[in-house]
């Protein structure tokens, strides 16, 4: 019988497959057999378990990654994610005349348009 944790894991793998296709996020090779969910920025380095910080990986690729990232990589990732987030929020607020609820809907629409352009 499938546990809640396994059910959640399978659902997450499906979401990541829809987003990224059937490719390993580390080496780019085709995924087959066992699949692991990899944190791009490890939790130990301040990464969070959110879709934008997750990718699918072969177990061998995921386990071969260095456990400690260079500090510059961690800082670069955080700075870039923060910059993109602020840029998107500013764009949405500007497009919606400062109304927060409309800005949230606008961001959802932009995300769906982006996915459509990617053919996903």
PDB file of N, CA and C in Angstrom:
ATOM      1  N   UNK A   1       0.839  -1.185   0.000  1.00  0.00           N
ATOM      2  CA  UNK A   1       0.000   0.000   0.000  1.00  0.00           C
ATOM      3  C   UNK A   1       0.890   1.257   0.000  1.00  0.00           C
ATOM      4  N   UNK A   2       0.512   2.246  -0.766  1.00  0.00           N
ATOM      5  CA  UNK A   2       1.272   3.476  -0.917  1.00  0.00           C
ATOM      6  C   UNK A   2       1.037   4.405   0.278  1.00  0.00           C
ATOM      7  N   UNK A   3       2.118   4.922   0.858  1.00  0.00           N
ATOM      8  CA  UNK A   3       1.996   5.849   1.979  1.00  0.00           C
ATOM      9  C   UNK A   3       1.774   7.264   1.457  1.00  0.00           C
ATOM     10  N   UNK A   4       1.410   8.175   2.362  1.00  0.00           N
ATOM     11  CA  UNK A   4       1.215   9.571   1.965  1.00  0.00           C
ATOM     12  C   UNK A   4       2.511  10.159   1.430  1.00  0.00           C
ATOM     13  N   UNK A   5       3.627   9.797   2.063  1.00  0.00           N
ATOM     14  CA  UNK A   5       4.928  10.310   1.612  1.00  0.00           C
ATOM     15  C   UNK A   5       5.241   9.840   0.197  1.00  0.00           C
ATOM     16  N   UNK A   6       5.009   8.554  -0.081  1.00  0.00           N
ATOM     17  CA  UNK A   6       5.262   8.036  -1.428  1.00  0.00           C
ATOM     18  C   UNK A   6       4.335   8.697  -2.442  1.00  0.00           C
ATOM     19  N   UNK A   7       3.091   8.888  -2.075  1.00  0.00           N
ATOM     20  CA  UNK A   7       2.119   9.525  -2.949  1.00  0.00           C
ATOM     21  C   UNK A   7       2.558  10.957  -3.277  1.00  0.00           C
ATOM     22  N   UNK A   8       3.015  11.677  -2.259  1.00  0.00           N
ATOM     23  CA  UNK A   8       3.494  13.044  -2.448  1.00  0.00           C
ATOM     24  C   UNK A   8       4.714  13.051  -3.358  1.00  0.00           C
ATOM     25  N   UNK A   9       5.634  12.096  -3.147  1.00  0.00           N
ATOM     26  CA  UNK A   9       6.852  12.010  -3.957  1.00  0.00           C
ATOM     27  C   UNK A   9       6.524  11.748  -5.432  1.00  0.00           C
ATOM     28  N   UNK A  10       5.609  10.811  -5.681  1.00  0.00           N
ATOM     29  CA  UNK A  10       5.240  10.503  -7.061  1.00  0.00           C
ATOM     30  C   UNK A  10       4.583  11.706  -7.739  1.00  0.00           C
ATOM     31  N   UNK A  11       3.749  12.422  -7.003  1.00  0.00           N
ATOM     32  CA  UNK A  11       3.100  13.612  -7.562  1.00  0.00           C
ATOM     33  C   UNK A  11       4.142  14.682  -7.897  1.00  0.00           C
ATOM     34  N   UNK A  12       5.120  14.849  -7.013  1.00  0.00           N
ATOM     35  CA  UNK A  12       6.174  15.833  -7.251  1.00  0.00           C
ATOM     36  C   UNK A  12       7.020  15.453  -8.466  1.00  0.00           C
ATOM     37  N   UNK A  13       7.332  14.182  -8.601  1.00  0.00           N
ATOM     38  CA  UNK A  13       8.090  13.719  -9.772  1.00  0.00           C
ATOM     39  C   UNK A  13       7.305  14.007 -11.049  1.00  0.00           C
ATOM     40  N   UNK A  14       6.010  13.786 -11.041  1.00  0.00           N
ATOM     41  CA  UNK A  14       5.188  14.083 -12.224  1.00  0.00           C
ATOM     42  C   UNK A  14       5.241  15.572 -12.573  1.00  0.00           C
ATOM     43  N   UNK A  15       5.152  16.433 -11.566  1.00  0.00           N
ATOM     44  CA  UNK A  15       5.207  17.881 -11.795  1.00  0.00           C
ATOM     45  C   UNK A  15       6.556  18.263 -12.390  1.00  0.00           C
ATOM     46  N   UNK A  16       7.633  17.735 -11.838  1.00  0.00           N
ATOM     47  CA  UNK A  16       8.974  18.056 -12.344  1.00  0.00           C
ATOM     48  C   UNK A  16       9.189  17.503 -13.751  1.00  0.00           C
ATOM     49  N   UNK A  17       8.624  16.329 -14.044  1.00  0.00           N
ATOM     50  CA  UNK A  17       8.726  15.774 -15.405  1.00  0.00           C
ATOM     51  C   UNK A  17       7.987  16.662 -16.406  1.00  0.00           C
ATOM     52  N   UNK A  18       6.821  17.174 -16.014  1.00  0.00           N
ATOM     53  CA  UNK A  18       6.069  18.056 -16.909  1.00  0.00           C
ATOM     54  C   UNK A  18       6.858  19.331 -17.172  1.00  0.00           C
ATOM     55  N   UNK A  19       7.520  19.837 -16.156  1.00  0.00           N
ATOM     56  CA  UNK A  19       8.281  21.077 -16.297  1.00  0.00           C
ATOM     57  C   UNK A  19       9.567  20.885 -17.088  1.00  0.00           C
ATOM     58  N   UNK A  20      10.326  19.837 -16.767  1.00  0.00           N
ATOM     59  CA  UNK A  20      11.678  19.685 -17.295  1.00  0.00           C
ATOM     60  C   UNK A  20      11.837  18.605 -18.353  1.00  0.00           C
ATOM     61  N   UNK A  21      10.809  17.806 -18.564  1.00  0.00           N
ATOM     62  CA  UNK A  21      10.933  16.703 -19.497  1.00  0.00           C
ATOM     63  C   UNK A  21      11.573  15.496 -18.823  1.00  0.00           C
ATOM     64  N   UNK A  22      11.992  14.567 -19.625  1.00  0.00           N
ATOM     65  CA  UNK A  22      12.548  13.294 -19.126  1.00  0.00           C
ATOM     66  C   UNK A  22      14.073  13.325 -19.096  1.00  0.00           C
ATOM     67  N   UNK A  23      14.629  14.394 -18.543  1.00  0.00           N
ATOM     68  CA  UNK A  23      16.076  14.551 -18.540  1.00  0.00           C
ATOM     69  C   UNK A  23      16.613  14.806 -17.137  1.00  0.00           C
ATOM     70  N   UNK A  24      17.790  14.271 -16.876  1.00  0.00           N
ATOM     71  CA  UNK A  24      18.480  14.483 -15.604  1.00  0.00           C
ATOM     72  C   UNK A  24      18.899  15.954 -15.520  1.00  0.00           C
ATOM     73  N   UNK A  25      18.573  16.593 -14.399  1.00  0.00           N
ATOM     74  CA  UNK A  25      18.931  17.997 -14.215  1.00  0.00           C
ATOM     75  C   UNK A  25      20.404  18.226 -13.963  1.00  0.00           C
ATOM     76  N   UNK A  26      21.162  17.165 -13.700  1.00  0.00           N
ATOM     77  CA  UNK A  26      22.597  17.296 -13.441  1.00  0.00           C
ATOM     78  C   UNK A  26      23.398  17.065 -14.719  1.00  0.00           C
ATOM     79  N   UNK A  27      23.191  15.910 -15.371  1.00  0.00           N
ATOM     80  CA  UNK A  27      24.011  15.569 -16.553  1.00  0.00           C
ATOM     81  C   UNK A  27      23.287  15.803 -17.876  1.00  0.00           C
ATOM     82  N   UNK A  28      21.966  15.949 -17.849  1.00  0.00           N
ATOM     83  CA  UNK A  28      21.200  16.170 -19.068  1.00  0.00           C
ATOM     84  C   UNK A  28      20.821  14.904 -19.810  1.00  0.00           C
ATOM     85  N   UNK A  29      21.240  13.743 -19.286  1.00  0.00           N
ATOM     86  CA  UNK A  29      20.917  12.468 -19.923  1.00  0.00           C
ATOM     87  C   UNK A  29      19.460  12.075 -19.705  1.00  0.00           C
ATOM     88  N   UNK A  30      18.980  11.143 -20.518  1.00  0.00           N
ATOM     89  CA  UNK A  30      17.596  10.671 -20.397  1.00  0.00           C
ATOM     90  C   UNK A  30      17.404   9.962 -19.054  1.00  0.00           C
ATOM     91  N   UNK A  31      16.260  10.236 -18.440  1.00  0.00           N
ATOM     92  CA  UNK A  31      15.933   9.571 -17.180  1.00  0.00           C
ATOM     93  C   UNK A  31      15.328   8.205 -17.466  1.00  0.00           C
ATOM     94  N   UNK A  32      15.740   7.241 -16.691  1.00  0.00           N
ATOM     95  CA  UNK A  32      15.204   5.894 -16.808  1.00  0.00           C
ATOM     96  C   UNK A  32      15.429   5.202 -15.473  1.00  0.00           C
ATOM     97  N   UNK A  33      14.638   4.212 -15.164  1.00  0.00           N
ATOM     98  CA  UNK A  33      14.810   3.480 -13.907  1.00  0.00           C
ATOM     99  C   UNK A  33      14.555   4.355 -12.700  1.00  0.00           C
ATOM    100  N   UNK A  34      15.396   4.204 -11.703  1.00  0.00           N
ATOM    101  CA  UNK A  34      15.240   4.981 -10.465  1.00  0.00           C
ATOM    102  C   UNK A  34      15.523   6.463 -10.711  1.00  0.00           C
ATOM    103  N   UNK A  35      14.747   7.295 -10.044  1.00  0.00           N
ATOM    104  CA  UNK A  35      14.888   8.746 -10.177  1.00  0.00           C
ATOM    105  C   UNK A  35      14.930   9.343  -8.776  1.00  0.00           C
ATOM    106  N   UNK A  36      15.794  10.320  -8.587  1.00  0.00           N
ATOM    107  CA  UNK A  36      15.819  11.033  -7.316  1.00  0.00           C
ATOM    108  C   UNK A  36      15.431  12.481  -7.536  1.00  0.00           C
ATOM    109  N   UNK A  37      14.872  13.088  -6.485  1.00  0.00           N
ATOM    110  CA  UNK A  37      14.569  14.516  -6.499  1.00  0.00           C
ATOM    111  C   UNK A  37      15.760  15.215  -5.864  1.00  0.00           C
ATOM    112  N   UNK A  38      16.348  16.141  -6.606  1.00  0.00           N
ATOM    113  CA  UNK A  38      17.564  16.830  -6.179  1.00  0.00           C
ATOM    114  C   UNK A  38      17.264  18.286  -5.864  1.00  0.00           C
ATOM    115  N   UNK A  39      17.794  18.783  -4.757  1.00  0.00           N
ATOM    116  CA  UNK A  39      17.742  20.213  -4.457  1.00  0.00           C
ATOM    117  C   UNK A  39      18.888  20.882  -5.211  1.00  0.00           C
ATOM    118  N   UNK A  40      18.590  21.852  -6.040  1.00  0.00           N
ATOM    119  CA  UNK A  40      19.625  22.575  -6.784  1.00  0.00           C
ATOM    120  C   UNK A  40      20.562  23.262  -5.787  1.00  0.00           C
ATOM    121  N   UNK A  41      19.989  24.038  -4.890  1.00  0.00           N
ATOM    122  CA  UNK A  41      20.731  24.600  -3.768  1.00  0.00           C
ATOM    123  C   UNK A  41      20.382  23.744  -2.563  1.00  0.00           C
ATOM    124  N   UNK A  42      21.339  22.968  -2.040  1.00  0.00           N
ATOM    125  CA  UNK A  42      21.030  22.030  -0.964  1.00  0.00           C
ATOM    126  C   UNK A  42      20.416  22.698   0.265  1.00  0.00           C
ATOM    127  N   UNK A  43      19.573  21.961   0.950  1.00  0.00           N
ATOM    128  CA  UNK A  43      18.946  22.451   2.176  1.00  0.00           C
ATOM    129  C   UNK A  43      20.028  22.871   3.168  1.00  0.00           C
ATOM    130  N   UNK A  44      21.113  22.120   3.213  1.00  0.00           N
ATOM    131  CA  UNK A  44      22.212  22.434   4.135  1.00  0.00           C
ATOM    132  C   UNK A  44      22.859  23.783   3.844  1.00  0.00           C
ATOM    133  N   UNK A  45      22.648  24.300   2.629  1.00  0.00           N
ATOM    134  CA  UNK A  45      23.209  25.592   2.236  1.00  0.00           C
ATOM    135  C   UNK A  45      22.142  26.676   2.174  1.00  0.00           C
ATOM    136  N   UNK A  46      20.975  26.389   2.729  1.00  0.00           N
ATOM    137  CA  UNK A  46      19.899  27.386   2.759  1.00  0.00           C
ATOM    138  C   UNK A  46      18.850  27.202   1.681  1.00  0.00           C
ATOM    139  N   UNK A  47      18.961  26.156   0.873  1.00  0.00           N
ATOM    140  CA  UNK A  47      17.964  25.881  -0.152  1.00  0.00           C
ATOM    141  C   UNK A  47      16.650  25.432   0.478  1.00  0.00           C
ATOM    142  N   UNK A  48      15.579  25.632  -0.232  1.00  0.00           N
ATOM    143  CA  UNK A  48      14.256  25.261   0.270  1.00  0.00           C
ATOM    144  C   UNK A  48      13.639  24.200  -0.627  1.00  0.00           C
ATOM    145  N   UNK A  49      12.682  23.483  -0.082  1.00  0.00           N
ATOM    146  CA  UNK A  49      11.986  22.465  -0.865  1.00  0.00           C
ATOM    147  C   UNK A  49      10.804  23.131  -1.554  1.00  0.00           C
ATOM    148  N   UNK A  50      11.105  23.817  -2.642  1.00  0.00           N
ATOM    149  CA  UNK A  50      10.112  24.453  -3.491  1.00  0.00           C
ATOM    150  C   UNK A  50      10.433  24.061  -4.925  1.00  0.00           C
ATOM    151  N   UNK A  51       9.410  24.059  -5.751  1.00  0.00           N
ATOM    152  CA  UNK A  51       9.548  23.604  -7.130  1.00  0.00           C
ATOM    153  C   UNK A  51      10.723  24.257  -7.855  1.00  0.00           C
ATOM    154  N   UNK A  52      10.930  25.564  -7.651  1.00  0.00           N
ATOM    155  CA  UNK A  52      12.002  26.239  -8.385  1.00  0.00           C
ATOM    156  C   UNK A  52      13.396  25.854  -7.898  1.00  0.00           C
ATOM    157  N   UNK A  53      13.499  25.116  -6.795  1.00  0.00           N
ATOM    158  CA  UNK A  53      14.801  24.656  -6.310  1.00  0.00           C
ATOM    159  C   UNK A  53      14.940  23.134  -6.430  1.00  0.00           C
ATOM    160  N   UNK A  54      14.050  22.499  -7.156  1.00  0.00           N
ATOM    161  CA  UNK A  54      14.085  21.046  -7.298  1.00  0.00           C
ATOM    162  C   UNK A  54      14.262  20.650  -8.762  1.00  0.00           C
ATOM    163  N   UNK A  55      14.881  19.495  -8.956  1.00  0.00           N
ATOM    164  CA  UNK A  55      15.022  18.929 -10.290  1.00  0.00           C
ATOM    165  C   UNK A  55      15.146  17.413 -10.136  1.00  0.00           C
ATOM    166  N   UNK A  56      14.920  16.704 -11.213  1.00  0.00           N
ATOM    167  CA  UNK A  56      15.070  15.252 -11.206  1.00  0.00           C
ATOM    168  C   UNK A  56      16.501  14.899 -11.588  1.00  0.00           C
ATOM    169  N   UNK A  57      16.990  13.780 -11.026  1.00  0.00           N
ATOM    170  CA  UNK A  57      18.366  13.379 -11.312  1.00  0.00           C
ATOM    171  C   UNK A  57      18.506  11.869 -11.230  1.00  0.00           C
ATOM    172  N   UNK A  58      19.474  11.361 -11.979  1.00  0.00           N
ATOM    173  CA  UNK A  58      19.863   9.968 -11.798  1.00  0.00           C
ATOM    174  C   UNK A  58      20.432   9.841 -10.384  1.00  0.00           C
ATOM    175  N   UNK A  59      20.226   8.728  -9.709  1.00  0.00           N
ATOM    176  CA  UNK A  59      20.839   8.560  -8.382  1.00  0.00           C
ATOM    177  C   UNK A  59      22.359   8.729  -8.413  1.00  0.00           C
ATOM    178  N   UNK A  60      23.000   8.207  -9.455  1.00  0.00           N
ATOM    179  CA  UNK A  60      24.467   8.318  -9.529  1.00  0.00           C
ATOM    180  C   UNK A  60      24.908   9.775  -9.684  1.00  0.00           C
ATOM    181  N   UNK A  61      24.152  10.572 -10.441  1.00  0.00           N
ATOM    182  CA  UNK A  61      24.492  11.990 -10.609  1.00  0.00           C
ATOM    183  C   UNK A  61      24.266  12.753  -9.306  1.00  0.00           C
ATOM    184  N   UNK A  62      23.130  12.484  -8.681  1.00  0.00           N
ATOM    185  CA  UNK A  62      22.795  13.180  -7.437  1.00  0.00           C
ATOM    186  C   UNK A  62      23.799  12.842  -6.342  1.00  0.00           C
ATOM    187  N   UNK A  63      24.186  11.591  -6.239  1.00  0.00           N
ATOM    188  CA  UNK A  63      25.101  11.174  -5.183  1.00  0.00           C
ATOM    189  C   UNK A  63      26.539  11.586  -5.466  1.00  0.00           C
ATOM    190  N   UNK A  64      26.863  11.845  -6.721  1.00  0.00           N
ATOM    191  CA  UNK A  64      28.231  12.214  -7.081  1.00  0.00           C
ATOM    192  C   UNK A  64      28.502  13.704  -6.877  1.00  0.00           C
ATOM    193  N   UNK A  65      27.438  14.481  -6.734  1.00  0.00           N
ATOM    194  CA  UNK A  65      27.614  15.926  -6.547  1.00  0.00           C
ATOM    195  C   UNK A  65      28.337  16.206  -5.243  1.00  0.00           C
ATOM    196  N   UNK A  66      29.194  17.198  -5.224  1.00  0.00           N
ATOM    197  CA  UNK A  66      29.839  17.563  -3.954  1.00  0.00           C
ATOM    198  C   UNK A  66      28.774  17.993  -2.948  1.00  0.00           C
ATOM    199  N   UNK A  67      28.928  17.568  -1.722  1.00  0.00           N
ATOM    200  CA  UNK A  67      27.943  17.905  -0.690  1.00  0.00           C
ATOM    201  C   UNK A  67      28.030  19.373  -0.296  1.00  0.00           C
ATOM    202  N   UNK A  68      29.163  19.997  -0.519  1.00  0.00           N
ATOM    203  CA  UNK A  68      29.320  21.399  -0.142  1.00  0.00           C
ATOM    204  C   UNK A  68      29.575  22.210  -1.409  1.00  0.00           C
ATOM    205  N   UNK A  69      28.750  23.201  -1.622  1.00  0.00           N
ATOM    206  CA  UNK A  69      28.953  24.088  -2.771  1.00  0.00           C
ATOM    207  C   UNK A  69      29.928  25.193  -2.391  1.00  0.00           C
ATOM    208  N   UNK A  70      30.575  25.731  -3.381  1.00  0.00           N
ATOM    209  CA  UNK A  70      31.403  26.898  -3.115  1.00  0.00           C
ATOM    210  C   UNK A  70      30.501  28.017  -2.633  1.00  0.00           C
ATOM    211  N   UNK A  71      30.968  28.796  -1.688  1.00  0.00           N
ATOM    212  CA  UNK A  71      30.164  29.890  -1.139  1.00  0.00           C
ATOM    213  C   UNK A  71      29.712  30.844  -2.235  1.00  0.00           C
ATOM    214  N   UNK A  72      30.568  31.084  -3.235  1.00  0.00           N
ATOM    215  CA  UNK A  72      30.206  32.004  -4.307  1.00  0.00           C
ATOM    216  C   UNK A  72      29.002  31.488  -5.096  1.00  0.00           C
ATOM    217  N   UNK A  73      28.888  30.159  -5.266  1.00  0.00           N
ATOM    218  CA  UNK A  73      27.745  29.587  -5.974  1.00  0.00           C
ATOM    219  C   UNK A  73      26.460  29.814  -5.202  1.00  0.00           C
ATOM    220  N   UNK A  74      26.514  29.629  -3.891  1.00  0.00           N
ATOM    221  CA  UNK A  74      25.342  29.827  -3.039  1.00  0.00           C
ATOM    222  C   UNK A  74      24.901  31.281  -3.090  1.00  0.00           C
ATOM    223  N   UNK A  75      25.837  32.184  -2.944  1.00  0.00           N
ATOM    224  CA  UNK A  75      25.512  33.607  -2.955  1.00  0.00           C
ATOM    225  C   UNK A  75      24.963  34.018  -4.319  1.00  0.00           C
ATOM    226  N   UNK A  76      25.588  33.554  -5.402  1.00  0.00           N
ATOM    227  CA  UNK A  76      25.124  33.898  -6.752  1.00  0.00           C
ATOM    228  C   UNK A  76      23.694  33.431  -6.979  1.00  0.00           C
ATOM    229  N   UNK A  77      23.384  32.209  -6.551  1.00  0.00           N
ATOM    230  CA  UNK A  77      22.031  31.667  -6.716  1.00  0.00           C
ATOM    231  C   UNK A  77      21.027  32.521  -5.963  1.00  0.00           C
ATOM    232  N   UNK A  78      21.319  32.821  -4.719  1.00  0.00           N
ATOM    233  CA  UNK A  78      20.393  33.611  -3.895  1.00  0.00           C
ATOM    234  C   UNK A  78      20.179  35.006  -4.461  1.00  0.00           C
ATOM    235  N   UNK A  79      21.252  35.644  -4.890  1.00  0.00           N
ATOM    236  CA  UNK A  79      21.152  36.995  -5.446  1.00  0.00           C
ATOM    237  C   UNK A  79      20.317  36.984  -6.715  1.00  0.00           C
ATOM    238  N   UNK A  80      20.571  36.026  -7.599  1.00  0.00           N
ATOM    239  CA  UNK A  80      19.825  35.953  -8.860  1.00  0.00           C
ATOM    240  C   UNK A  80      18.342  35.663  -8.621  1.00  0.00           C
ATOM    241  N   UNK A  81      18.029  34.728  -7.722  1.00  0.00           N
ATOM    242  CA  UNK A  81      16.628  34.413  -7.431  1.00  0.00           C
ATOM    243  C   UNK A  81      15.925  35.622  -6.820  1.00  0.00           C
ATOM    244  N   UNK A  82      16.589  36.330  -5.942  1.00  0.00           N
ATOM    245  CA  UNK A  82      16.011  37.518  -5.323  1.00  0.00           C
ATOM    246  C   UNK A  82      15.768  38.606  -6.365  1.00  0.00           C
ATOM    247  N   UNK A  83      16.727  38.801  -7.257  1.00  0.00           N
ATOM    248  CA  UNK A  83      16.594  39.818  -8.314  1.00  0.00           C
ATOM    249  C   UNK A  83      15.426  39.501  -9.239  1.00  0.00           C
ATOM    250  N   UNK A  84      15.308  38.234  -9.648  1.00  0.00           N
ATOM    251  CA  UNK A  84      14.211  37.841 -10.535  1.00  0.00           C
ATOM    252  C   UNK A  84      12.862  37.985  -9.853  1.00  0.00           C
ATOM    253  N   UNK A  85      12.788  37.614  -8.601  1.00  0.00           N
ATOM    254  CA  UNK A  85      11.537  37.735  -7.851  1.00  0.00           C
ATOM    255  C   UNK A  85      11.108  39.202  -7.764  1.00  0.00           C
ATOM    256  N   UNK A  86      12.026  40.074  -7.396  1.00  0.00           N
ATOM    257  CA  UNK A  86      11.712  41.506  -7.291  1.00  0.00           C
ATOM    258  C   UNK A  86      11.298  42.080  -8.650  1.00  0.00           C
ATOM    259  N   UNK A  87      11.969  41.656  -9.709  1.00  0.00           N
ATOM    260  CA  UNK A  87      11.646  42.132 -11.050  1.00  0.00           C
ATOM    261  C   UNK A  87      10.224  41.719 -11.440  1.00  0.00           C
ATOM    262  N   UNK A  88       9.866  40.462 -11.191  1.00  0.00           N
ATOM    263  CA  UNK A  88       8.522  39.986 -11.524  1.00  0.00           C
ATOM    264  C   UNK A  88       7.447  40.689 -10.714  1.00  0.00           C
ATOM    265  N   UNK A  89       7.697  40.876  -9.441  1.00  0.00           N
ATOM    266  CA  UNK A  89       6.714  41.556  -8.583  1.00  0.00           C
ATOM    267  C   UNK A  89       6.543  43.005  -9.022  1.00  0.00           C
ATOM    268  N   UNK A  90       7.640  43.679  -9.308  1.00  0.00           N
ATOM    269  CA  UNK A  90       7.565  45.075  -9.763  1.00  0.00           C
ATOM    270  C   UNK A  90       6.784  45.183 -11.064  1.00  0.00           C
ATOM    271  N   UNK A  91       7.063  44.291 -11.995  1.00  0.00           N
ATOM    272  CA  UNK A  91       6.360  44.295 -13.281  1.00  0.00           C
ATOM    273  C   UNK A  91       4.861  44.071 -13.080  1.00  0.00           C
ATOM    274  N   UNK A  92       4.526  43.133 -12.224  1.00  0.00           N
ATOM    275  CA  UNK A  92       3.107  42.827 -11.979  1.00  0.00           C
ATOM    276  C   UNK A  92       2.402  43.998 -11.310  1.00  0.00           C
ATOM    277  N   UNK A  93       3.034  44.591 -10.322  1.00  0.00           N
ATOM    278  CA  UNK A  93       2.413  45.717  -9.619  1.00  0.00           C
ATOM    279  C   UNK A  93       2.237  46.910 -10.568  1.00  0.00           C
ATOM    280  N   UNK A  94       3.214  47.154 -11.415  1.00  0.00           N
ATOM    281  CA  UNK A  94       3.123  48.248 -12.374  1.00  0.00           C
ATOM    282  C   UNK A  94       1.992  47.998 -13.367  1.00  0.00           C
ATOM    283  N   UNK A  95       1.914  46.774 -13.884  1.00  0.00           N
ATOM    284  CA  UNK A  95       0.886  46.434 -14.870  1.00  0.00           C
ATOM    285  C   UNK A  95      -0.518  46.495 -14.278  1.00  0.00           C
ATOM    286  N   UNK A  96      -0.636  46.346 -12.969  1.00  0.00           N
ATOM    287  CA  UNK A  96      -1.954  46.295 -12.323  1.00  0.00           C
ATOM    288  C   UNK A  96      -2.232  47.520 -11.466  1.00  0.00           C
ATOM    289  N   UNK A  97      -1.490  48.573 -11.688  1.00  0.00           N
ATOM    290  CA  UNK A  97      -1.742  49.815 -10.972  1.00  0.00           C
ATOM    291  C   UNK A  97      -1.588  49.697  -9.461  1.00  0.00           C
ATOM    292  N   UNK A  98      -0.744  48.802  -9.003  1.00  0.00           N
ATOM    293  CA  UNK A  98      -0.480  48.676  -7.576  1.00  0.00           C
ATOM    294  C   UNK A  98      -1.471  47.825  -6.806  1.00  0.00           C
ATOM    295  N   UNK A  99      -2.435  47.221  -7.490  1.00  0.00           N
ATOM    296  CA  UNK A  99      -3.426  46.393  -6.793  1.00  0.00           C
ATOM    297  C   UNK A  99      -2.880  44.975  -6.640  1.00  0.00           C
ATOM    298  N   UNK A 100      -2.710  44.547  -5.385  1.00  0.00           N
ATOM    299  CA  UNK A 100      -2.031  43.282  -5.101  1.00  0.00           C
ATOM    300  C   UNK A 100      -2.760  42.060  -5.639  1.00  0.00           C
ATOM    301  N   UNK A 101      -4.070  41.979  -5.475  1.00  0.00           N
ATOM    302  CA  UNK A 101      -4.813  40.799  -5.932  1.00  0.00           C
ATOM    303  C   UNK A 101      -4.733  40.670  -7.452  1.00  0.00           C
ATOM    304  N   UNK A 102      -4.847  41.776  -8.155  1.00  0.00           N
ATOM    305  CA  UNK A 102      -4.742  41.735  -9.608  1.00  0.00           C
ATOM    306  C   UNK A 102      -3.311  41.396 -10.034  1.00  0.00           C
ATOM    307  N   UNK A 103      -2.337  41.862  -9.261  1.00  0.00           N
ATOM    308  CA  UNK A 103      -0.940  41.552  -9.572  1.00  0.00           C
ATOM    309  C   UNK A 103      -0.689  40.052  -9.432  1.00  0.00           C
ATOM    310  N   UNK A 104      -1.289  39.428  -8.409  1.00  0.00           N
ATOM    311  CA  UNK A 104      -1.132  37.981  -8.228  1.00  0.00           C
ATOM    312  C   UNK A 104      -1.735  37.229  -9.413  1.00  0.00           C
ATOM    313  N   UNK A 105      -2.899  37.653  -9.887  1.00  0.00           N
ATOM    314  CA  UNK A 105      -3.519  37.026 -11.057  1.00  0.00           C
ATOM    315  C   UNK A 105      -2.665  37.238 -12.297  1.00  0.00           C
ATOM    316  N   UNK A 106      -2.100  38.412 -12.423  1.00  0.00           N
ATOM    317  CA  UNK A 106      -1.231  38.739 -13.555  1.00  0.00           C
ATOM    318  C   UNK A 106      -0.017  37.815 -13.578  1.00  0.00           C
ATOM    319  N   UNK A 107       0.589  37.589 -12.415  1.00  0.00           N
ATOM    320  CA  UNK A 107       1.745  36.699 -12.351  1.00  0.00           C
ATOM    321  C   UNK A 107       1.362  35.284 -12.759  1.00  0.00           C
ATOM    322  N   UNK A 108       0.192  34.815 -12.352  1.00  0.00           N
ATOM    323  CA  UNK A 108      -0.281  33.493 -12.756  1.00  0.00           C
ATOM    324  C   UNK A 108      -0.461  33.401 -14.261  1.00  0.00           C
ATOM    325  N   UNK A 109      -1.014  34.445 -14.853  1.00  0.00           N
ATOM    326  CA  UNK A 109      -1.203  34.485 -16.307  1.00  0.00           C
ATOM    327  C   UNK A 109       0.140  34.460 -17.022  1.00  0.00           C
ATOM    328  N   UNK A 110       1.099  35.251 -16.555  1.00  0.00           N
ATOM    329  CA  UNK A 110       2.426  35.279 -17.179  1.00  0.00           C
ATOM    330  C   UNK A 110       3.096  33.918 -17.104  1.00  0.00           C
ATOM    331  N   UNK A 111       2.919  33.225 -15.983  1.00  0.00           N
ATOM    332  CA  UNK A 111       3.503  31.895 -15.824  1.00  0.00           C
ATOM    333  C   UNK A 111       2.893  30.930 -16.840  1.00  0.00           C
ATOM    334  N   UNK A 112       1.569  30.978 -17.007  1.00  0.00           N
ATOM    335  CA  UNK A 112       0.908  30.092 -17.975  1.00  0.00           C
ATOM    336  C   UNK A 112       1.343  30.429 -19.397  1.00  0.00           C
ATOM    337  N   UNK A 113       1.518  31.708 -19.723  1.00  0.00           N
ATOM    338  CA  UNK A 113       1.988  32.099 -21.047  1.00  0.00           C
ATOM    339  C   UNK A 113       3.402  31.570 -21.303  1.00  0.00           C
ATOM    340  N   UNK A 114       4.248  31.667 -20.298  1.00  0.00           N
ATOM    341  CA  UNK A 114       5.615  31.175 -20.414  1.00  0.00           C
ATOM    342  C   UNK A 114       5.622  29.675 -20.662  1.00  0.00           C
ATOM    343  N   UNK A 115       4.815  28.931 -19.911  1.00  0.00           N
ATOM    344  CA  UNK A 115       4.730  27.474 -20.083  1.00  0.00           C
ATOM    345  C   UNK A 115       4.229  27.144 -21.486  1.00  0.00           C
ATOM    346  N   UNK A 116       3.267  27.911 -21.975  1.00  0.00           N
ATOM    347  CA  UNK A 116       2.722  27.671 -23.317  1.00  0.00           C
ATOM    348  C   UNK A 116       3.817  27.897 -24.376  1.00  0.00           C
ATOM    349  N   UNK A 117       4.616  28.947 -24.202  1.00  0.00           N
ATOM    350  CA  UNK A 117       5.699  29.208 -25.151  1.00  0.00           C
ATOM    351  C   UNK A 117       6.724  28.078 -25.169  1.00  0.00           C
ATOM    352  N   UNK A 118       6.932  27.459 -24.007  1.00  0.00           N
ATOM    353  CA  UNK A 118       7.864  26.339 -23.933  1.00  0.00           C
ATOM    354  C   UNK A 118       7.266  25.047 -24.456  1.00  0.00           C
ATOM    355  N   UNK A 119       5.965  25.077 -24.736  1.00  0.00           N
ATOM    356  CA  UNK A 119       5.292  23.877 -25.220  1.00  0.00           C
ATOM    357  C   UNK A 119       5.020  22.874 -24.140  1.00  0.00           C
ATOM    358  N   UNK A 120       4.858  23.342 -22.920  1.00  0.00           N
ATOM    359  CA  UNK A 120       4.622  22.432 -21.788  1.00  0.00           C
ATOM    360  C   UNK A 120       3.242  22.643 -21.216  1.00  0.00           C
TER     361      UNK A 120
END
